[in-house]
Amino acid sequence: MIIEVDDAADERLNAFRWRERQLNTIAQRKAALGSHPDSSGMFIAEGDLVVRRALEAGCKPSVVLCDPKCALEFDDDVSTQGGITLSASADIRREVTGLGVPLDAIGVFHRPALRDAQSLIDSSTRLVILDCIDNPSNVGAIARSACALGWDAMLLDTTSSDPLTRRALRVSMGTTFNLPYARTPDISTTLNQLASRGFAVVGMTLQHHSKQVVPMTQVRLDDSQPRALVLGSERQGLSDAALEACTILTNIPMAVGVDSLNVASATAIACYALK
């Protein structure tokens, strides 16, 4: 059943006024980083496409706020999964969300349980691994590229940004829901485990003091060999421990005077070149 809301002060709209820190407790935010056993909490899906992909992925809605057209489109799925569909005018949606351009749909969803890293490793042959990437826009763009180019899953350390933040989901256009991901508390241990299982563990770096760094155009991998692409923060790059655990170090050849790309752009090129 669609509930029409004609007052911006309606308490049923409160969740859309809150920031992400208000939606989740400290324990729930730690859980999203894989550093706490609690796996509850909420996330916000912005835009009709992201809401649709969240519903298609089986994410459980709490409340979805829509224009009349999207309310009709989503109500059956939202209601079936125990959520509430609210319909409101553009002026009310703009005032409540604080967005200059009111979205056709915005939803508050229950956060799915965090996946187990070992199960992803066991079922994957193409892994993207993030080491200290704390910008949610980069995490969202990386997830979008990895999913689009056929990689299986994404592993993040506990300092990398949450893929379900509003900004990460918005940048990924909801493709994050189609890319399984998990947290690993120790990147170097995980990389060593992958190497011992026959993975080509490919780290991206400009240089290394003792190991050879091969231009990506020269990296040759057998199609049957599983691989993990390891990416570090834009400022610091990969940690020393991660660099030591990589079996191949590579970079993307640049024009003179330019040393690197944004990590999300570099990921897209690497996912294509190393697939």
Protein backbone atom coordinates (compact mmCIF):
# COMPACT_ATOMS: atom_id res chain seq x y z
CA MET A 1 0.00 0.00 0.00
CA ILE A 2 1.32 3.42 -0.96
CA ILE A 3 1.07 6.09 1.73
CA GLU A 4 0.79 9.63 0.44
CA VAL A 5 2.58 12.20 2.60
CA ASP A 6 1.62 15.87 2.35
CA ASP A 7 3.54 17.30 5.31
CA ALA A 8 7.34 17.54 5.41
CA ALA A 9 7.19 17.29 9.21
CA ASP A 10 5.66 13.80 9.07
CA GLU A 11 7.67 11.56 11.42
CA ARG A 12 7.69 8.75 8.88
CA LEU A 13 10.12 10.88 6.87
CA ASN A 14 12.64 11.20 9.70
CA ALA A 15 15.08 8.61 8.35
CA PHE A 16 15.56 10.68 5.21
CA ARG A 17 16.64 13.69 7.27
CA TRP A 18 19.38 11.78 9.08
CA ARG A 19 23.02 11.55 8.17
CA GLU A 20 24.61 8.10 7.89
CA ARG A 21 26.08 8.46 11.38
CA GLN A 22 22.55 8.88 12.72
CA LEU A 23 21.25 5.84 10.85
CA ASN A 24 23.77 3.49 12.47
CA THR A 25 25.21 3.11 15.94
CA ILE A 26 28.96 3.14 16.58
CA ALA A 27 28.89 -0.66 16.86
CA GLN A 28 27.04 -0.93 13.54
CA ARG A 29 29.53 1.38 11.83
CA LYS A 30 32.38 -0.75 13.16
CA ALA A 31 30.59 -3.84 11.88
CA ALA A 32 30.52 -2.34 8.39
CA LEU A 33 34.32 -2.15 8.59
CA GLY A 34 34.56 -5.77 9.67
CA SER A 35 35.86 -4.82 13.11
CA HIS A 36 32.82 -5.74 15.21
CA PRO A 37 30.56 -8.84 15.25
CA ASP A 38 27.32 -6.82 14.91
CA SER A 39 26.08 -7.00 11.33
CA SER A 40 22.88 -4.95 11.65
CA GLY A 41 22.34 -1.37 10.61
CA MET A 42 20.94 0.55 7.67
CA PHE A 43 22.06 2.05 4.40
CA ILE A 44 20.54 4.58 2.00
CA ALA A 45 20.00 3.97 -1.70
CA GLU A 46 19.72 7.21 -3.68
CA GLY A 47 17.95 7.28 -7.03
CA ASP A 48 15.44 5.00 -8.69
CA LEU A 49 18.12 2.89 -10.38
CA VAL A 50 19.99 2.21 -7.14
CA VAL A 51 16.73 1.48 -5.30
CA ARG A 52 15.69 -0.93 -8.04
CA ARG A 53 19.03 -2.75 -7.94
CA ALA A 54 18.89 -2.98 -4.16
CA LEU A 55 15.45 -4.58 -4.35
CA GLU A 56 16.52 -6.93 -7.15
CA ALA A 57 19.51 -8.01 -5.04
CA GLY A 58 17.18 -8.97 -2.20
CA CYS A 59 18.08 -6.14 0.15
CA LYS A 60 15.31 -5.67 2.71
CA PRO A 61 13.72 -2.20 2.58
CA SER A 62 12.58 -0.28 5.63
CA VAL A 63 11.00 2.71 3.90
CA VAL A 64 11.18 4.07 0.35
CA LEU A 65 10.23 7.65 -0.54
CA CYS A 66 9.18 8.19 -4.15
CA ASP A 67 7.41 10.35 -6.66
CA PRO A 68 3.98 8.91 -7.58
CA LYS A 69 5.28 7.05 -10.64
CA CYS A 70 8.12 5.27 -8.83
CA ALA A 71 5.84 4.55 -5.89
CA LEU A 72 3.60 2.53 -8.20
CA GLU A 73 6.64 0.81 -9.72
CA PHE A 74 8.24 -0.22 -6.42
CA ASP A 75 5.34 -0.74 -4.03
CA ASP A 76 4.75 -4.45 -4.67
CA ASP A 77 8.40 -5.36 -4.11
CA VAL A 78 8.76 -3.04 -1.12
CA SER A 79 5.58 -4.35 0.52
CA THR A 80 6.43 -7.99 -0.17
CA GLN A 81 9.74 -7.53 1.63
CA GLY A 82 8.15 -5.84 4.64
CA GLY A 83 8.88 -2.21 3.80
CA ILE A 84 6.75 0.93 3.52
CA THR A 85 6.32 2.98 0.34
CA LEU A 86 5.79 6.71 0.80
CA SER A 87 4.79 9.07 -1.99
CA ALA A 88 5.36 12.83 -1.77
CA SER A 89 5.62 15.89 -3.95
CA ALA A 90 8.95 17.15 -5.29
CA ASP A 91 8.88 20.06 -2.83
CA ILE A 92 8.49 17.78 0.17
CA ARG A 93 11.14 15.36 -1.07
CA ARG A 94 13.54 18.27 -1.64
CA GLU A 95 12.94 19.72 1.83
CA VAL A 96 13.22 16.40 3.66
CA THR A 97 16.33 15.05 1.91
CA GLY A 98 18.14 18.38 1.61
CA LEU A 99 18.94 17.59 -2.02
CA GLY A 100 18.66 20.48 -4.45
CA VAL A 101 17.19 18.19 -7.09
CA PRO A 102 14.62 15.82 -5.57
CA LEU A 103 15.26 12.22 -6.50
CA ASP A 104 12.49 10.11 -7.99
CA ALA A 105 13.20 7.51 -5.31
CA ILE A 106 15.34 7.19 -2.21
CA GLY A 107 15.23 4.21 0.12
CA VAL A 108 16.38 3.20 3.58
CA PHE A 109 17.38 -0.47 3.61
CA HIS A 110 18.52 -2.97 6.22
CA ARG A 111 22.19 -3.73 5.78
CA PRO A 112 22.84 -7.32 4.62
CA ALA A 113 25.13 -9.51 6.70
CA LEU A 114 28.81 -9.02 5.89
CA ARG A 115 30.16 -11.84 3.75
CA ASP A 116 32.94 -14.13 4.96
CA ALA A 117 36.27 -13.40 3.28
CA GLN A 118 37.31 -17.05 3.12
CA SER A 119 34.13 -18.07 1.30
CA LEU A 120 34.78 -15.40 -1.34
CA ILE A 121 38.36 -16.55 -1.80
CA ASP A 122 37.22 -20.15 -2.14
CA SER A 123 34.70 -19.29 -4.86
CA SER A 124 36.64 -16.67 -6.85
CA THR A 125 39.29 -16.59 -9.55
CA ARG A 126 39.29 -12.81 -10.12
CA LEU A 127 39.62 -10.74 -6.95
CA VAL A 128 40.03 -6.99 -6.49
CA ILE A 129 41.69 -6.17 -3.17
CA LEU A 130 41.64 -2.71 -1.58
CA ASP A 131 44.32 -1.62 0.88
CA CYS A 132 43.59 1.65 2.77
CA ILE A 133 41.30 3.18 0.12
CA ASP A 134 39.22 5.46 2.31
CA ASN A 135 37.49 7.61 -0.33
CA PRO A 136 33.94 6.28 -0.84
CA SER A 137 33.75 7.66 -4.39
CA ASN A 138 36.83 5.64 -5.34
CA VAL A 139 35.43 2.52 -3.69
CA GLY A 140 32.15 2.92 -5.59
CA ALA A 141 33.91 3.48 -8.92
CA ILE A 142 36.19 0.50 -8.32
CA ALA A 143 33.21 -1.74 -7.57
CA ARG A 144 31.49 -0.54 -10.74
CA SER A 145 34.52 -1.27 -12.93
CA ALA A 146 35.20 -4.66 -11.34
CA CYS A 147 31.59 -5.73 -11.78
CA ALA A 148 31.36 -4.41 -15.35
CA LEU A 149 34.56 -6.17 -16.41
CA GLY A 150 33.64 -9.54 -14.98
CA TRP A 151 35.70 -9.77 -11.78
CA ASP A 152 34.22 -12.04 -9.13
CA ALA A 153 34.52 -10.23 -5.82
CA MET A 154 36.13 -7.45 -3.81
CA LEU A 155 38.08 -7.73 -0.56
CA LEU A 156 38.72 -4.65 1.56
CA ASP A 157 40.92 -4.10 4.58
CA THR A 158 39.32 -2.60 7.69
CA THR A 159 40.45 0.94 6.85
CA SER A 160 38.91 1.11 3.38
CA SER A 161 35.60 2.91 2.96
CA ASP A 162 32.25 1.17 3.30
CA PRO A 163 30.88 0.18 -0.16
CA LEU A 164 27.35 0.87 1.11
CA THR A 165 27.84 4.54 1.95
CA ARG A 166 25.53 6.86 0.06
CA ARG A 167 28.34 8.27 -2.05
CA ALA A 168 29.89 4.89 -2.86
CA LEU A 169 26.54 3.45 -3.91
CA ARG A 170 25.67 6.51 -5.95
CA VAL A 171 28.97 6.35 -7.86
CA SER A 172 28.65 2.60 -8.40
CA MET A 173 25.08 3.08 -9.70
CA GLY A 174 24.09 0.17 -7.48
CA THR A 175 26.38 -2.35 -9.20
CA THR A 176 27.91 -2.98 -5.77
CA PHE A 177 24.91 -5.21 -5.06
CA ASN A 178 26.11 -7.53 -7.86
CA LEU A 179 29.70 -7.71 -6.64
CA PRO A 180 30.20 -9.84 -3.51
CA TYR A 181 32.57 -8.21 -1.05
CA ALA A 182 34.08 -8.92 2.34
CA ARG A 183 36.57 -7.49 4.82
CA THR A 184 39.94 -8.95 5.68
CA PRO A 185 41.69 -7.91 8.91
CA ASP A 186 45.19 -8.63 7.59
CA ILE A 187 45.95 -7.85 3.95
CA SER A 188 49.43 -9.41 3.88
CA THR A 189 48.20 -12.70 5.38
CA THR A 190 45.38 -12.81 2.81
CA LEU A 191 47.77 -12.10 -0.07
CA ASN A 192 50.20 -14.77 1.10
CA GLN A 193 47.33 -17.23 1.30
CA LEU A 194 46.28 -16.38 -2.25
CA ALA A 195 49.83 -16.79 -3.53
CA SER A 196 50.10 -20.19 -1.86
CA ARG A 197 46.92 -21.23 -3.68
CA GLY A 198 48.37 -20.35 -7.06
CA PHE A 199 46.94 -16.86 -7.52
CA ALA A 200 48.92 -14.29 -9.42
CA VAL A 201 48.90 -11.52 -6.81
CA VAL A 202 49.34 -8.36 -8.87
CA GLY A 203 50.10 -5.17 -6.97
CA MET A 204 50.02 -1.74 -8.59
CA THR A 205 52.86 0.57 -7.61
CA LEU A 206 55.10 3.18 -9.19
CA GLN A 207 58.32 1.61 -7.94
CA HIS A 208 59.88 -0.70 -5.36
CA HIS A 209 63.27 -0.59 -3.71
CA SER A 210 64.12 -4.24 -4.33
CA LYS A 211 61.50 -5.95 -6.50
CA GLN A 212 61.08 -5.48 -10.24
CA VAL A 213 58.08 -3.43 -11.38
CA VAL A 214 56.84 -4.56 -14.81
CA PRO A 215 54.81 -2.27 -17.10
CA MET A 216 51.28 -3.59 -17.37
CA THR A 217 51.69 -3.97 -21.13
CA GLN A 218 54.29 -6.65 -20.41
CA VAL A 219 52.34 -8.67 -17.82
CA ARG A 220 51.41 -12.06 -19.24
CA LEU A 221 49.07 -14.35 -17.32
CA ASP A 222 47.65 -17.69 -18.35
CA ASP A 223 43.86 -17.50 -18.72
CA SER A 224 43.46 -20.41 -16.33
CA GLN A 225 45.49 -18.83 -13.54
CA PRO A 226 43.45 -17.12 -10.83
CA ARG A 227 44.48 -13.57 -10.05
CA ALA A 228 44.13 -10.86 -7.46
CA LEU A 229 44.56 -7.16 -8.28
CA VAL A 230 45.83 -5.24 -5.26
CA LEU A 231 45.32 -1.45 -5.01
CA GLY A 232 46.49 1.03 -2.42
CA SER A 233 45.64 4.56 -1.38
CA GLU A 234 46.42 7.40 -3.78
CA ARG A 235 48.73 9.18 -1.36
CA GLN A 236 50.65 6.32 0.24
CA GLY A 237 50.19 3.51 -2.27
CA LEU A 238 50.32 -0.09 -1.13
CA SER A 239 51.61 -0.81 2.34
CA ASP A 240 55.07 -2.38 2.65
CA ALA A 241 53.51 -5.61 3.89
CA ALA A 242 51.20 -5.78 0.87
CA LEU A 243 54.03 -5.04 -1.56
CA GLU A 244 56.14 -7.84 -0.12
CA ALA A 245 53.27 -10.32 -0.46
CA CYS A 246 52.58 -9.53 -4.14
CA THR A 247 54.00 -11.97 -6.68
CA ILE A 248 53.93 -9.38 -9.50
CA LEU A 249 54.33 -5.61 -9.27
CA THR A 250 53.12 -3.51 -12.17
CA ASN A 251 52.12 -0.04 -13.23
CA ILE A 252 50.46 1.68 -16.18
CA PRO A 253 52.92 3.46 -18.49
CA MET A 254 52.34 7.22 -18.35
CA ALA A 255 53.11 10.20 -20.55
CA VAL A 256 56.17 12.21 -19.58
CA GLY A 257 55.49 14.43 -16.59
CA VAL A 258 52.57 12.36 -15.22
CA ASP A 259 53.23 9.66 -12.64
CA SER A 260 49.82 8.12 -11.95
CA LEU A 261 46.07 7.99 -12.47
CA ASN A 262 43.26 8.24 -9.98
CA VAL A 263 43.02 4.81 -8.34
CA ALA A 264 39.52 4.21 -9.70
CA SER A 265 40.62 4.97 -13.26
CA ALA A 266 43.69 2.78 -12.84
CA THR A 267 41.48 -0.05 -11.59
CA ALA A 268 39.29 0.09 -14.69
CA ILE A 269 42.33 -0.19 -16.97
CA ALA A 270 43.89 -2.96 -14.90
CA CYS A 271 40.66 -4.97 -14.64
CA TYR A 272 40.38 -4.87 -18.43
CA ALA A 273 44.05 -5.59 -19.13
CA LEU A 274 44.43 -8.39 -16.59
CA LYS A 275 41.07 -10.08 -16.96
